[in-house]
Protein backbone atom coordinates (compact mmCIF):
# COMPACT_ATOMS: atom_id res chain seq x y z
CA ASN A 1 89.79 130.90 57.55
CA ASN A 2 86.93 128.56 58.10
CA GLN A 3 89.12 125.22 58.26
CA GLU A 4 91.21 126.67 61.17
CA ARG A 5 88.14 127.74 62.91
CA GLU A 6 86.75 124.14 62.51
CA LEU A 7 89.96 122.68 63.71
CA ARG A 8 90.02 124.94 66.92
CA LYS A 9 86.37 123.99 67.49
CA GLU A 10 87.06 120.23 67.16
CA GLY A 11 90.21 120.86 69.40
CA PHE A 12 88.10 122.37 72.07
CA GLN A 13 85.55 119.71 71.83
CA LEU A 14 88.32 116.81 72.28
CA LYS A 15 89.73 118.63 75.08
CA GLU A 16 86.43 119.05 76.66
CA ILE A 17 85.98 115.10 76.12
CA TRP A 18 89.19 114.41 77.69
CA ARG A 19 88.42 116.27 80.85
CA LYS A 20 85.13 114.62 81.45
CA THR A 21 86.86 111.16 80.82
CA MET A 22 89.70 112.04 83.41
CA ASP A 23 86.90 113.38 85.87
CA LEU A 24 85.00 109.87 85.39
CA HIS A 25 88.26 108.18 85.63
CA ALA A 26 89.24 109.96 88.92
CA ALA A 27 85.72 109.27 90.29
CA ASN A 28 85.98 105.59 89.53
CA GLU A 29 89.40 105.49 91.18
CA ARG A 30 87.89 106.78 94.37
CA GLU A 31 84.87 104.16 94.23
CA ARG A 32 87.25 101.40 93.62
CA THR A 33 89.67 102.50 96.50
CA LYS A 34 86.60 102.99 98.96
CA LEU A 35 84.96 99.46 97.75
CA GLU A 36 88.58 97.79 98.39
CA ASN A 37 89.17 99.48 101.78
CA GLU A 38 85.81 98.29 102.88
CA ALA A 39 85.97 94.80 101.44
CA HIS A 40 86.96 91.92 103.96
CA PHE A 41 88.85 89.00 101.99
CA ASP A 42 89.92 86.91 105.10
CA PHE A 43 91.82 84.61 102.68
CA LEU A 44 93.60 81.33 103.80
CA PRO A 45 97.41 81.27 103.94
CA GLY A 46 99.02 81.96 100.45
CA GLU A 47 100.89 78.71 100.44
CA GLU A 48 97.95 76.50 101.23
CA CYS A 49 97.21 73.89 98.62
CA ILE A 50 93.52 73.97 97.20
CA ILE A 51 92.34 71.11 95.10
CA LEU A 52 89.81 71.82 92.47
CA ASN A 53 87.59 69.10 90.84
CA ILE A 54 86.90 70.42 87.23
CA GLY A 55 84.50 68.22 85.57
CA GLY A 56 86.25 65.23 86.96
CA GLU A 57 89.90 66.32 86.44
CA LYS A 58 91.67 67.44 89.45
CA PHE A 59 93.88 70.56 89.70
CA GLU A 60 96.15 71.38 92.82
CA THR A 61 97.16 74.86 93.31
CA SER A 62 97.95 77.32 95.92
CA VAL A 63 95.70 80.23 97.30
CA ASN A 64 98.39 82.78 95.92
CA ILE A 65 97.46 81.64 92.45
CA LEU A 66 93.65 81.47 92.85
CA ILE A 67 93.37 84.99 94.50
CA LYS A 68 95.25 86.73 91.69
CA ASP A 69 91.87 88.33 90.94
CA ARG A 70 90.43 88.77 94.56
CA TRP A 71 87.01 89.39 93.38
CA SER A 72 86.75 86.03 91.44
CA VAL A 73 84.71 82.85 92.12
CA LEU A 74 88.05 81.02 92.34
CA ALA A 75 89.46 83.43 94.90
CA ALA A 76 86.15 83.15 96.75
CA LEU A 77 87.01 79.19 97.18
CA CYS A 78 90.11 80.37 99.16
CA LYS A 79 88.19 82.27 101.87
CA THR A 80 88.08 80.93 105.36
CA THR A 81 84.51 80.52 104.69
CA PRO A 82 84.01 79.54 101.23
CA PRO A 83 80.64 80.00 99.30
CA ILE A 84 80.38 76.12 98.53
CA SER A 85 81.69 73.12 100.55
CA LYS A 86 84.48 70.97 99.76
CA GLN A 87 83.85 67.24 98.62
CA PRO A 88 84.77 64.25 100.99
CA ASP A 89 88.24 64.22 99.33
CA GLY A 90 88.77 67.64 100.29
CA SER A 91 88.50 69.12 96.88
CA PHE A 92 85.77 71.76 95.31
CA PHE A 93 83.73 70.31 92.61
CA ILE A 94 82.94 72.60 89.71
CA ASP A 95 81.00 71.32 86.85
CA ARG A 96 82.71 72.72 83.98
CA ASP A 97 85.08 71.55 81.01
CA TRP A 98 88.48 70.93 82.49
CA TRP A 99 90.02 71.04 79.08
CA ILE A 100 89.12 74.68 78.84
CA PHE A 101 89.66 75.34 82.46
CA ARG A 102 93.18 74.25 82.25
CA HIS A 103 93.88 77.52 80.33
CA ILE A 104 92.38 79.65 83.01
CA MET A 105 94.90 77.96 85.45
CA GLN A 106 97.81 78.52 82.75
CA PHE A 107 96.99 82.19 82.83
CA LEU A 108 96.59 82.62 86.46
CA ARG A 109 100.14 80.89 86.84
CA ASN A 110 101.86 82.63 83.96
CA GLN A 111 99.90 85.57 82.61
CA THR A 112 99.85 83.71 79.17
CA LEU A 113 97.43 82.42 77.05
CA PRO A 114 97.32 79.48 74.53
CA GLN A 115 98.73 80.19 71.04
CA ASP A 116 96.29 79.97 68.17
CA ARG A 117 97.12 77.09 65.80
């Protein structure tokens, strides 16, 4: 039957796509593991307090919160040699909208996003 032949052909194509996807996934996983093994994060102690001045509003948090995404700009501030200098008051100044940044902090702390209203 022509329909059965087409279905078998499509099934074979899907299996081939799945195999290629899994091969790419495995290669990506090997690359990620290699990159993480070669990375040197040198973060401050996890309980250390970090003060962020975001657009004039201060946020106090710990290294543990900011390094949840080890590759982020916020995590970079927690390195023993951060990419920017602290302000005289000990905070890191970032010229961004604090009203929006509070949602980033909420996500890092609780893994929740604000509800649409």
